[in-house]
Amino acid sequence: MTRNETSATGATNAVGAAGVTKDRLALAAVDAVERVPGVAFLRPGLADLVRASYASRDRRKSGVRVRPGGDAASWHIEVQFVARRTYRTLDVTRAVRDAVLGVTADLGEAGDTGRIRAAVTVTVTGLV
């Protein structure tokens, strides 16, 4: 399947550099962000709030959005999370960005066609 090609089920799943899919990259980013000290939780979306039991079955979180970048070998990853007040927010945002970039580098090394280029945007939406 090529970038933004429709699968047999009718769902689109973008495939970028190193054959990494959008969903695989999003799940890896979620795991990386949740392990960063100072991150309270990823920002819940409307679907997470309304259908909490359904959304909890799916590990994808609305706090991480992955879109294809400007060219075929890049991705744009947006992370929105709530930080803990006991941590310096700037350090936490830098750690989140580094964790997501580290995951993209690891996925790119595991792929066949090369490195993944990613632009990461990190937003702190609240403090607890």
Foldseek 3Di string as FASTA:
>chain_A
DAAQDADPVRDTWGAAALRDTQVNLQLQLLVLLVPQPFFPHFDADPCCVPVVVVVVVDSRGPQWGWDADPDRQEIEIEGETAGEPVDDVVVSQVSSVVSSQVSQQVSQVVGDGHGHHYHYHYHYPYYD
